[in-house]
Protein backbone atom coordinates (compact mmCIF):
# COMPACT_ATOMS: atom_id res chain seq x y z
CA MET A 1 -33.98 116.87 188.07
CA SER A 2 -35.42 114.43 190.62
CA GLY A 3 -38.68 114.83 192.39
CA GLY A 4 -36.96 114.54 195.77
CA ARG A 5 -37.67 111.93 198.32
CA PHE A 6 -41.43 112.57 198.23
CA ASN A 7 -41.76 113.20 194.49
CA TYR A 8 -42.89 116.85 195.15
CA GLU A 9 -45.93 115.58 197.09
CA GLN A 10 -45.35 118.23 199.73
CA ASP A 11 -46.39 120.73 196.99
CA GLY A 12 -49.93 119.51 197.60
CA ILE A 13 -49.75 120.81 201.17
CA GLN A 14 -48.64 124.20 199.78
CA VAL A 15 -51.57 124.21 197.29
CA ALA A 16 -54.02 123.57 200.15
CA ILE A 17 -52.54 126.35 202.15
CA GLU A 18 -52.86 128.83 199.23
CA GLU A 19 -56.48 127.76 198.58
CA LEU A 20 -57.43 128.17 202.23
CA GLU A 21 -55.79 131.58 202.36
CA GLN A 22 -57.79 132.66 199.28
CA LEU A 23 -61.13 131.99 200.84
CA PRO A 24 -63.30 135.10 200.72
CA LEU A 25 -63.22 137.06 203.99
CA ASP A 26 -67.07 137.17 204.08
CA GLU A 27 -67.16 133.42 203.93
CA LEU A 28 -64.99 133.19 207.02
CA GLU A 29 -66.91 135.94 208.81
CA GLY A 30 -70.11 133.83 208.43
CA LEU A 31 -68.60 131.08 210.51
CA ASP A 32 -68.99 130.89 214.38
CA ALA A 33 -66.00 131.68 216.53
CA ILE A 34 -65.05 128.10 217.14
CA THR A 35 -65.05 127.21 213.50
CA GLN A 36 -62.99 130.31 212.63
CA SER A 37 -60.48 129.23 215.32
CA ASN A 38 -60.33 125.76 213.86
CA TYR A 39 -59.70 127.28 210.36
CA TYR A 40 -56.80 129.29 211.67
CA ALA A 41 -55.39 126.40 213.59
CA LEU A 42 -55.58 124.22 210.54
CA LEU A 43 -53.86 126.79 208.41
CA ALA A 44 -51.00 127.09 210.99
CA GLU A 45 -50.55 123.35 211.27
CA LEU A 46 -50.53 122.89 207.48
CA LYS A 47 -47.76 125.53 207.21
CA LYS A 48 -45.80 123.68 209.88
CA CYS A 49 -46.34 120.39 208.09
CA TYR A 50 -45.18 121.86 204.83
CA VAL A 51 -41.92 123.18 206.38
CA HIS A 52 -41.19 119.91 208.13
CA THR A 53 -41.87 117.86 204.99
CA GLN A 54 -39.84 120.17 202.71
CA ARG A 55 -36.84 120.16 205.03
CA LEU A 56 -36.99 116.34 205.50
CA ASP A 57 -37.20 115.97 201.83
CA TRP A 58 -33.99 117.88 201.30
CA LEU A 59 -32.28 115.89 204.05
CA LEU A 60 -33.31 112.49 202.80
CA SER A 61 -32.51 113.41 199.22
CA GLY A 62 -29.01 114.39 200.17
CA ASN A 63 -29.46 118.16 199.35
CA ASP A 64 -28.86 119.09 203.05
CA GLY A 65 -26.79 117.44 205.80
CA GLN A 66 -28.12 117.09 209.33
CA GLU A 67 -26.64 120.33 210.53
CA THR A 68 -28.08 122.28 207.62
CA TYR A 69 -31.45 120.49 208.07
CA HIS A 70 -31.66 121.58 211.65
CA LYS A 71 -30.59 125.12 210.86
CA ARG A 72 -33.07 125.59 207.96
CA LEU A 73 -35.91 123.86 209.86
CA THR A 74 -35.37 126.26 212.76
CA GLU A 75 -35.21 129.27 210.50
CA ASP A 76 -38.20 128.30 208.33
CA LEU A 77 -40.42 127.61 211.45
CA ALA A 78 -39.36 130.93 212.96
CA LYS A 79 -40.64 132.71 209.78
CA LEU A 80 -44.15 131.33 210.56
CA LEU A 81 -44.40 133.14 213.89
């Protein structure tokens, strides 16, 4: 089994997402509103980056054609909302 176009490097994005989501709530509550907002914005952007990277990996690796790429990208991004 190949590592895809990016040799599974996008999995590092997923690990970062999971680690950020596991931060203790009291740790986040101790931050000011701007910092909390930045945290949630970062988390949202990382999730989008992961989806885009994963879908592009499948396209460039030949697992998906362009039509499937666009369909899955749209579906996966919609799940984030």
